[in-house]
């Protein structure tokens, strides 16, 4: 079985939205790159990255983080 971890990025932070509500978010970490590296170190072959700013505003704003 292939497990694919997901990282939601909003304003350059790792977050989880409550029922898709942007005003009810929990920040899990300030550095998405470090979190992605942790997943890779744990053996993740793929990571699902979500640019929530892009989803909300229609403009990819976290692409530099995703690029890394």
N, C-alpha and C. Protein backbone atom coordinates (compact mmCIF):
# COMPACT_ATOMS: atom_id res chain seq x y z
N UNK A 1 0.85 -1.17 0.00
CA UNK A 1 0.00 0.00 0.00
C UNK A 1 0.90 1.24 0.00
N UNK A 2 0.57 2.19 -0.84
CA UNK A 2 1.31 3.45 -0.91
C UNK A 2 0.54 4.52 -0.15
N UNK A 3 1.15 5.04 0.91
CA UNK A 3 0.55 6.14 1.67
C UNK A 3 1.16 7.44 1.18
N UNK A 4 0.32 8.42 0.89
CA UNK A 4 0.79 9.71 0.40
C UNK A 4 0.42 10.79 1.42
N UNK A 5 1.40 11.31 2.15
CA UNK A 5 1.11 12.37 3.11
C UNK A 5 0.71 13.66 2.39
N UNK A 6 -0.12 14.45 3.04
CA UNK A 6 -0.57 15.71 2.46
C UNK A 6 -0.12 16.87 3.35
N UNK A 7 0.30 17.94 2.71
CA UNK A 7 0.67 19.16 3.42
C UNK A 7 -0.13 20.30 2.80
N UNK A 8 -0.98 20.92 3.61
CA UNK A 8 -1.75 22.08 3.17
C UNK A 8 -0.96 23.33 3.55
N UNK A 9 -0.73 24.21 2.58
CA UNK A 9 0.06 25.42 2.81
C UNK A 9 -0.82 26.65 2.64
N UNK A 10 -0.84 27.49 3.67
CA UNK A 10 -1.59 28.75 3.63
C UNK A 10 -0.70 29.82 4.26
N UNK A 11 -0.47 30.89 3.51
CA UNK A 11 0.41 31.97 3.98
C UNK A 11 1.77 31.43 4.42
N UNK A 12 2.30 30.48 3.63
CA UNK A 12 3.62 29.89 3.82
C UNK A 12 3.75 29.05 5.09
N UNK A 13 2.62 28.60 5.65
CA UNK A 13 2.62 27.77 6.85
C UNK A 13 1.85 26.48 6.59
N UNK A 14 2.19 25.43 7.32
CA UNK A 14 1.44 24.18 7.26
C UNK A 14 0.21 24.31 8.14
N UNK A 15 -0.95 24.13 7.54
CA UNK A 15 -2.19 24.34 8.28
C UNK A 15 -3.18 23.20 8.03
N UNK A 16 -4.21 23.17 8.85
CA UNK A 16 -5.38 22.33 8.62
C UNK A 16 -6.59 23.22 8.81
N UNK A 17 -7.46 23.25 7.82
CA UNK A 17 -8.68 24.04 7.92
C UNK A 17 -9.77 23.20 8.59
N UNK A 18 -10.59 23.85 9.34
CA UNK A 18 -11.73 23.15 9.96
C UNK A 18 -12.91 23.24 9.00
N UNK A 19 -13.30 22.12 8.45
CA UNK A 19 -14.40 22.01 7.50
C UNK A 19 -14.25 22.99 6.35
N UNK A 20 -13.01 23.19 5.88
CA UNK A 20 -12.75 24.06 4.74
C UNK A 20 -12.86 25.54 5.03
N UNK A 21 -12.99 25.90 6.30
CA UNK A 21 -13.17 27.30 6.69
C UNK A 21 -11.80 27.95 6.92
N UNK A 22 -11.47 28.93 6.08
CA UNK A 22 -10.17 29.58 6.17
C UNK A 22 -9.99 30.38 7.46
N UNK A 23 -11.06 30.81 8.07
CA UNK A 23 -10.93 31.58 9.31
C UNK A 23 -10.78 30.66 10.53
N UNK A 24 -10.97 29.36 10.32
CA UNK A 24 -10.81 28.40 11.41
C UNK A 24 -9.70 27.42 11.04
N UNK A 25 -8.48 27.92 11.12
CA UNK A 25 -7.34 27.08 10.75
C UNK A 25 -6.44 26.84 11.95
N UNK A 26 -5.76 25.71 11.92
CA UNK A 26 -4.77 25.37 12.92
C UNK A 26 -3.42 25.35 12.23
N UNK A 27 -2.46 26.11 12.73
CA UNK A 27 -1.10 26.10 12.18
C UNK A 27 -0.33 24.99 12.87
N UNK A 28 0.20 24.06 12.06
CA UNK A 28 0.95 22.94 12.60
C UNK A 28 2.45 23.19 12.58
N UNK A 29 2.90 23.97 11.62
CA UNK A 29 4.32 24.27 11.52
C UNK A 29 4.50 25.49 10.64
N UNK A 30 5.56 26.23 10.87
CA UNK A 30 5.84 27.44 10.09
C UNK A 30 6.70 27.15 8.87
N UNK A 31 7.23 25.93 8.74
CA UNK A 31 8.16 25.63 7.66
C UNK A 31 7.74 24.38 6.89
N UNK A 32 7.00 24.55 5.79
CA UNK A 32 6.55 23.40 5.00
C UNK A 32 7.70 22.58 4.42
N UNK A 33 8.83 23.24 4.13
CA UNK A 33 9.96 22.51 3.55
C UNK A 33 10.52 21.51 4.56
N UNK A 34 10.63 21.91 5.82
CA UNK A 34 11.10 20.99 6.85
C UNK A 34 10.14 19.82 7.04
N UNK A 35 8.86 20.10 7.00
CA UNK A 35 7.86 19.03 7.15
C UNK A 35 7.96 18.05 5.99
N UNK A 36 8.08 18.57 4.78
CA UNK A 36 8.22 17.69 3.61
C UNK A 36 9.48 16.84 3.73
N UNK A 37 10.57 17.44 4.19
CA UNK A 37 11.81 16.68 4.34
C UNK A 37 11.66 15.58 5.39
N UNK A 38 10.92 15.86 6.45
CA UNK A 38 10.67 14.83 7.46
C UNK A 38 9.94 13.64 6.86
N UNK A 39 8.93 13.93 6.01
CA UNK A 39 8.19 12.85 5.36
C UNK A 39 9.11 12.05 4.45
N UNK A 40 9.97 12.73 3.70
CA UNK A 40 10.92 12.03 2.82
C UNK A 40 11.86 11.16 3.66
N UNK A 41 12.35 11.72 4.76
CA UNK A 41 13.24 10.96 5.64
C UNK A 41 12.55 9.71 6.21
N UNK A 42 11.23 9.78 6.36
CA UNK A 42 10.45 8.64 6.86
C UNK A 42 10.09 7.65 5.76
N UNK A 43 10.49 7.96 4.52
CA UNK A 43 10.28 7.02 3.43
C UNK A 43 9.17 7.37 2.45
N UNK A 44 8.59 8.56 2.57
CA UNK A 44 7.53 8.95 1.64
C UNK A 44 8.09 9.04 0.22
N UNK A 45 7.40 8.39 -0.71
CA UNK A 45 7.80 8.43 -2.11
C UNK A 45 7.15 9.60 -2.84
N UNK A 46 6.03 10.04 -2.32
CA UNK A 46 5.29 11.17 -2.89
C UNK A 46 4.71 11.99 -1.75
N UNK A 47 4.48 13.26 -2.03
CA UNK A 47 3.83 14.14 -1.06
C UNK A 47 2.79 14.96 -1.81
N UNK A 48 1.60 15.02 -1.27
CA UNK A 48 0.52 15.82 -1.86
C UNK A 48 0.58 17.21 -1.23
N UNK A 49 0.96 18.21 -2.01
CA UNK A 49 1.06 19.59 -1.52
C UNK A 49 -0.11 20.40 -2.04
N UNK A 50 -0.76 21.13 -1.14
CA UNK A 50 -1.93 21.93 -1.51
C UNK A 50 -1.65 23.40 -1.21
N UNK A 51 -1.72 24.23 -2.25
CA UNK A 51 -1.58 25.68 -2.09
C UNK A 51 -2.97 26.25 -1.80
N UNK A 52 -3.29 26.41 -0.53
CA UNK A 52 -4.62 26.89 -0.16
C UNK A 52 -4.84 28.34 -0.55
N UNK A 53 -3.78 29.15 -0.60
CA UNK A 53 -3.93 30.51 -1.10
C UNK A 53 -4.36 30.48 -2.56
N UNK A 54 -3.73 29.59 -3.33
CA UNK A 54 -4.09 29.45 -4.74
C UNK A 54 -5.51 28.94 -4.92
N UNK A 55 -5.91 27.99 -4.08
CA UNK A 55 -7.27 27.47 -4.16
C UNK A 55 -8.30 28.54 -3.82
N UNK A 56 -7.98 29.37 -2.84
CA UNK A 56 -8.92 30.40 -2.40
C UNK A 56 -8.96 31.58 -3.37
N UNK A 57 -7.78 32.06 -3.79
CA UNK A 57 -7.69 33.29 -4.58
C UNK A 57 -7.54 33.07 -6.07
N UNK A 58 -7.26 31.83 -6.47
CA UNK A 58 -7.06 31.55 -7.89
C UNK A 58 -5.70 31.96 -8.41
N UNK A 59 -4.77 32.30 -7.50
CA UNK A 59 -3.42 32.70 -7.88
C UNK A 59 -2.44 31.87 -7.04
N UNK A 60 -1.56 31.15 -7.70
CA UNK A 60 -0.59 30.32 -6.98
C UNK A 60 0.42 31.23 -6.28
N UNK A 61 0.35 31.29 -4.96
CA UNK A 61 1.25 32.16 -4.22
C UNK A 61 2.33 31.40 -3.46
N UNK A 62 2.15 30.11 -3.31
CA UNK A 62 3.13 29.30 -2.58
C UNK A 62 3.97 28.44 -3.51
N UNK A 63 4.03 28.80 -4.79
CA UNK A 63 4.71 27.95 -5.77
C UNK A 63 6.21 27.83 -5.49
N UNK A 64 6.83 28.85 -4.91
CA UNK A 64 8.27 28.75 -4.63
C UNK A 64 8.55 27.70 -3.55
N UNK A 65 7.66 27.59 -2.59
CA UNK A 65 7.79 26.55 -1.56
C UNK A 65 7.58 25.18 -2.19
N UNK A 66 6.56 25.06 -3.01
CA UNK A 66 6.24 23.79 -3.66
C UNK A 66 7.36 23.38 -4.61
N UNK A 67 7.97 24.35 -5.28
CA UNK A 67 9.06 24.10 -6.21
C UNK A 67 10.24 23.41 -5.51
N UNK A 68 10.52 23.83 -4.27
CA UNK A 68 11.67 23.28 -3.54
C UNK A 68 11.40 21.84 -3.16
